[in-house]
Amino acid sequence: MNDFQPYSYTDSVTADRPWLASLVGVQDTNTITLDLTKFTEGSHYTVSANPILQGRNVMKSGIPLGKVTASGLFAPYSGPRSEVQTVTVTGGPTGGTYTLTFSGQTTAGIPYNATAAQVKSALEALSNVEVGDVAVSGGPHPGTAVVVTFGGQYLGDDVSQMTASAASLTGGTSPAVTVATTTAGGGASASDGTEVLQGFLVDAIHFNPGSTKAAGALLWHGEIFADQCPIPFDPTDVASTAPGVNIHYR
């Protein structure tokens, strides 16, 4: 018997859940407890700017989840490991643009003060990067580095490190752009149970900074748009799912 039916769902509920392809299954979810220490700010949750929420963190809906065997708590699914590369602008430029090159394809000029969204758009405009192939967080430049996480067709791949050109940056002192690989892509590295897909977080969750646990609802039966998940996700790379999980992908 399922034990979590928090809403009377209508089509309007899906407005902030672009990853949800069908309402089938959303009233057949199970209550779960998340281990908040396993989630990362920027990738999995953000700090709300809504004054009503008073700076509470907001966990994104649609995150693929696994279950930690030892604790029974849920954490991010850690199947094939995504490549993570960090783009850092140094030298304090005050104008101009830079470019990134990925596997022989070079972006149009990216502003010196680009946001994560602008870097994402520039990369997705490349012929070898499709929508959903990268998730970008951090920024804006030049004060804060931008973090690029590869997924989609590149999920689980040890992709080539991007290169950067700062030739068109202006101002500051010897402005430069560097790219570093902080996590190399590859097969599932976890062995704590999270390498098994349990389902997806149905709704966004609000929680206080410093909290270590939060309740949520797990979609284990339904239909989703894999390329719209907040974490890059390619269902063809899923090696193991929990018993009973029945997710269809569009």
Protein backbone atom coordinates (compact mmCIF):
# COMPACT_ATOMS: atom_id res chain seq x y z
CA MET A 1 0.00 0.00 0.00
CA ASN A 2 1.43 3.37 -0.98
CA ASP A 3 1.68 5.91 1.77
CA PHE A 4 2.11 9.35 0.24
CA GLN A 5 -0.56 11.29 -1.62
CA PRO A 6 0.05 14.94 -0.68
CA TYR A 7 -1.89 16.64 -3.45
CA SER A 8 -4.87 16.29 -5.69
CA TYR A 9 -2.87 16.57 -8.90
CA THR A 10 -3.95 18.49 -11.98
CA ASP A 11 -2.12 19.50 -15.13
CA SER A 12 -1.24 22.83 -13.51
CA VAL A 13 0.98 21.03 -10.99
CA THR A 14 3.46 20.15 -13.75
CA ALA A 15 4.25 23.80 -14.53
CA ASP A 16 7.54 23.73 -12.62
CA ARG A 17 8.31 20.11 -13.52
CA PRO A 18 9.28 20.09 -17.21
CA TRP A 19 10.84 16.65 -16.75
CA LEU A 20 7.46 15.07 -15.98
CA ALA A 21 5.98 13.62 -19.17
CA SER A 22 2.77 12.21 -17.70
CA LEU A 23 0.72 12.51 -14.52
CA VAL A 24 0.50 8.74 -14.41
CA GLY A 25 2.24 7.61 -11.24
CA VAL A 26 2.28 10.91 -9.37
CA GLN A 27 -0.51 9.74 -7.09
CA ASP A 28 1.25 6.44 -6.57
CA THR A 29 4.41 7.74 -4.93
CA ASN A 30 6.14 6.56 -1.74
CA THR A 31 7.38 8.63 1.19
CA ILE A 32 11.17 8.71 1.44
CA THR A 33 13.76 10.47 3.60
CA LEU A 34 16.63 12.28 1.89
CA ASP A 35 20.16 12.42 3.28
CA LEU A 36 20.72 16.13 2.64
CA THR A 37 24.47 15.81 3.29
CA LYS A 38 24.77 13.91 0.01
CA PHE A 39 23.36 16.73 -2.14
CA THR A 40 25.31 19.66 -3.65
CA GLU A 41 24.28 23.30 -3.70
CA GLY A 42 23.90 24.56 -7.27
CA SER A 43 23.54 21.13 -8.82
CA HIS A 44 20.79 19.71 -6.59
CA TYR A 45 19.43 22.67 -4.66
CA THR A 46 19.52 26.45 -4.55
CA VAL A 47 18.97 29.09 -1.90
CA SER A 48 15.55 30.64 -2.36
CA ALA A 49 15.35 34.36 -3.15
CA ASN A 50 11.69 34.36 -2.13
CA PRO A 51 11.43 36.39 1.10
CA ILE A 52 8.54 34.21 2.23
CA LEU A 53 10.92 31.24 2.41
CA GLN A 54 13.45 33.28 4.45
CA GLY A 55 16.58 31.90 2.81
CA ARG A 56 15.55 28.26 2.93
CA ASN A 57 17.13 25.88 0.44
CA VAL A 58 15.06 24.51 -2.41
CA MET A 59 15.76 20.96 -3.60
CA LYS A 60 14.96 20.63 -7.30
CA SER A 61 12.29 18.20 -8.44
CA GLY A 62 13.21 15.51 -10.95
CA ILE A 63 16.51 14.51 -9.35
CA PRO A 64 17.24 10.81 -9.99
CA LEU A 65 17.69 9.03 -6.66
CA GLY A 66 19.37 5.97 -5.21
CA LYS A 67 19.13 4.47 -1.72
CA VAL A 68 22.08 4.24 0.67
CA THR A 69 22.08 0.63 1.85
CA ALA A 70 23.58 1.30 5.27
CA SER A 71 21.20 4.08 6.32
CA GLY A 72 18.10 3.47 4.21
CA LEU A 73 18.16 7.16 3.27
CA PHE A 74 17.93 8.45 -0.28
CA ALA A 75 20.71 10.31 -2.06
CA PRO A 76 21.56 11.32 -5.64
CA TYR A 77 21.68 8.36 -8.02
CA SER A 78 25.34 7.64 -8.68
CA GLY A 79 25.29 5.48 -11.76
CA PRO A 80 27.78 6.27 -14.50
CA ARG A 81 29.92 9.15 -13.21
CA SER A 82 29.50 12.49 -14.97
CA GLU A 83 32.54 14.45 -16.12
CA VAL A 84 32.83 17.77 -14.30
CA GLN A 85 34.98 20.63 -15.60
CA THR A 86 35.49 24.04 -14.01
CA VAL A 87 35.97 27.23 -16.04
CA THR A 88 37.74 30.03 -14.18
CA VAL A 89 38.33 33.61 -15.36
CA THR A 90 41.28 35.35 -13.73
CA GLY A 91 42.96 38.76 -14.02
CA GLY A 92 39.81 40.80 -13.37
CA PRO A 93 38.73 41.59 -16.96
CA THR A 94 36.21 44.41 -17.35
CA GLY A 95 35.05 43.68 -20.87
CA GLY A 96 35.30 41.45 -23.92
CA THR A 97 34.63 37.77 -24.43
CA TYR A 98 36.29 34.38 -24.29
CA THR A 99 35.64 31.09 -26.09
CA LEU A 100 35.54 27.43 -25.15
CA THR A 101 36.49 24.60 -27.48
CA PHE A 102 35.07 21.11 -26.96
CA SER A 103 36.16 18.21 -29.17
CA GLY A 104 37.14 20.50 -32.04
CA GLN A 105 34.10 22.78 -31.88
CA THR A 106 34.49 26.37 -30.63
CA THR A 107 31.76 28.47 -29.08
CA ALA A 108 30.81 31.98 -30.04
CA GLY A 109 32.16 34.68 -27.73
CA ILE A 110 31.11 34.26 -24.10
CA PRO A 111 30.88 37.52 -22.11
CA TYR A 112 33.58 38.19 -19.53
CA ASN A 113 30.83 38.41 -16.89
CA ALA A 114 28.78 35.47 -18.17
CA THR A 115 26.24 33.68 -16.03
CA ALA A 116 25.95 29.91 -15.88
CA ALA A 117 22.96 30.13 -18.23
CA GLN A 118 24.99 32.03 -20.84
CA VAL A 119 27.80 29.47 -20.74
CA LYS A 120 25.25 26.68 -21.08
CA SER A 121 23.64 28.37 -24.10
CA ALA A 122 27.02 28.85 -25.75
CA LEU A 123 27.93 25.19 -25.32
CA GLU A 124 24.52 23.91 -26.46
CA ALA A 125 24.92 25.93 -29.66
CA LEU A 126 27.82 23.66 -30.67
CA SER A 127 27.07 20.97 -33.25
CA ASN A 128 28.37 18.23 -30.93
CA VAL A 129 26.42 19.31 -27.82
CA GLU A 130 22.67 18.74 -27.59
CA VAL A 131 20.20 20.17 -25.11
CA GLY A 132 20.61 18.14 -21.93
CA ASP A 133 24.25 17.23 -22.58
CA VAL A 134 25.55 19.78 -20.06
CA ALA A 135 24.37 21.23 -16.76
CA VAL A 136 26.09 24.47 -15.77
CA SER A 137 26.19 26.03 -12.31
CA GLY A 138 28.19 28.65 -10.44
CA GLY A 139 29.15 32.03 -11.84
CA PRO A 140 28.80 34.71 -12.78
CA HIS A 141 32.29 35.41 -14.08
CA PRO A 142 34.78 36.78 -13.44
CA GLY A 143 34.37 36.54 -9.68
CA THR A 144 33.03 32.98 -9.52
CA ALA A 145 34.03 29.94 -11.52
CA VAL A 146 31.46 28.14 -13.69
CA VAL A 147 31.05 24.39 -13.28
CA VAL A 148 30.12 22.31 -16.35
CA THR A 149 28.73 18.81 -15.75
CA PHE A 150 28.46 16.56 -18.80
CA GLY A 151 25.49 14.23 -19.21
CA GLY A 152 23.10 13.18 -21.95
CA GLN A 153 25.07 11.47 -24.69
CA TYR A 154 28.26 12.03 -22.65
CA LEU A 155 27.04 10.57 -19.35
CA GLY A 156 29.61 8.12 -18.08
CA ASP A 157 32.17 9.23 -20.68
CA ASP A 158 35.67 10.48 -19.90
CA VAL A 159 35.33 13.37 -22.35
CA SER A 160 38.12 15.56 -23.64
CA GLN A 161 38.91 18.55 -21.46
CA MET A 162 37.70 21.80 -22.96
CA THR A 163 40.23 24.44 -23.88
CA ALA A 164 39.72 28.19 -23.62
CA SER A 165 40.88 31.33 -25.40
CA ALA A 166 41.01 34.64 -23.54
CA ALA A 167 42.33 36.62 -26.51
CA SER A 168 39.30 38.90 -26.64
CA LEU A 169 39.09 39.74 -22.94
CA THR A 170 39.87 43.35 -22.07
CA GLY A 171 40.77 45.34 -18.97
CA GLY A 172 42.12 43.98 -15.73
CA THR A 173 45.62 42.57 -15.40
CA SER A 174 46.58 39.84 -17.84
CA PRO A 175 43.09 38.30 -17.99
CA ALA A 176 43.02 34.57 -18.63
CA VAL A 177 40.64 31.62 -18.70
CA THR A 178 41.55 28.18 -17.42
CA VAL A 179 39.68 24.87 -17.56
CA ALA A 180 40.27 22.08 -15.04
CA THR A 181 38.74 18.62 -14.84
CA THR A 182 37.53 18.17 -11.27
CA THR A 183 35.81 14.81 -11.86
CA ALA A 184 36.64 12.50 -14.73
CA GLY A 185 33.67 10.73 -16.31
CA GLY A 186 33.41 6.98 -16.07
CA GLY A 187 31.38 4.01 -14.91
CA ALA A 188 29.53 3.96 -11.62
CA SER A 189 32.00 4.55 -8.80
CA ALA A 190 29.62 4.10 -5.87
CA SER A 191 29.10 0.82 -4.08
CA ASP A 192 26.85 2.09 -1.28
CA GLY A 193 23.57 1.29 -3.01
CA THR A 194 23.11 4.61 -4.80
CA GLU A 195 24.35 3.03 -8.02
CA VAL A 196 20.86 1.46 -8.28
CA LEU A 197 18.17 3.78 -9.63
CA GLN A 198 15.19 3.98 -7.27
CA GLY A 199 13.19 6.69 -9.06
CA PHE A 200 12.86 10.48 -9.14
CA LEU A 201 12.05 13.21 -6.64
CA VAL A 202 8.49 14.25 -7.47
CA ASP A 203 8.31 17.74 -5.97
CA ALA A 204 10.70 20.48 -4.95
CA ILE A 205 11.49 20.43 -1.23
CA HIS A 206 12.15 23.43 1.02
CA PHE A 207 14.54 22.85 3.92
CA ASN A 208 16.52 24.89 6.39
CA PRO A 209 20.28 25.35 5.91
CA GLY A 210 22.06 22.98 8.24
CA SER A 211 19.34 20.34 8.08
CA THR A 212 20.61 16.82 7.43
CA LYS A 213 17.35 15.06 6.53
CA ALA A 214 14.11 15.90 4.74
CA ALA A 215 11.02 14.00 3.66
CA GLY A 216 10.07 13.71 0.02
CA ALA A 217 8.05 11.66 -2.45
CA LEU A 218 9.55 9.14 -4.87
CA LEU A 219 8.21 8.63 -8.39
CA TRP A 220 8.92 4.97 -9.11
CA HIS A 221 6.21 4.40 -11.71
CA GLY A 222 5.61 6.93 -14.47
CA GLU A 223 6.93 8.65 -17.55
CA ILE A 224 9.56 11.39 -17.78
CA PHE A 225 11.54 13.49 -20.23
CA ALA A 226 15.06 12.36 -19.31
CA ASP A 227 16.73 15.34 -21.00
CA GLN A 228 14.74 17.76 -18.82
CA CYS A 229 15.95 16.42 -15.47
CA PRO A 230 17.94 18.95 -13.42
CA ILE A 231 20.86 16.50 -13.32
CA PRO A 232 22.11 15.23 -16.70
CA PHE A 233 20.56 11.81 -17.12
CA ASP A 234 20.71 9.26 -19.92
CA PRO A 235 18.41 6.26 -19.36
CA THR A 236 20.44 4.14 -21.79
CA ASP A 237 23.32 4.26 -19.29
CA VAL A 238 21.30 2.94 -16.35
CA ALA A 239 22.77 -0.43 -15.46
CA SER A 240 20.57 -1.31 -12.50
CA THR A 241 17.13 -0.31 -11.21
CA ALA A 242 15.44 -1.30 -7.97
CA PRO A 243 12.78 -4.05 -8.04
CA GLY A 244 9.39 -2.70 -9.05
CA VAL A 245 10.70 0.52 -10.60
CA ASN A 246 8.84 1.11 -13.84
CA ILE A 247 9.85 4.37 -15.49
CA HIS A 248 9.30 5.10 -19.17
CA TYR A 249 11.37 7.71 -20.99
CA ARG A 250 10.56 10.08 -23.81
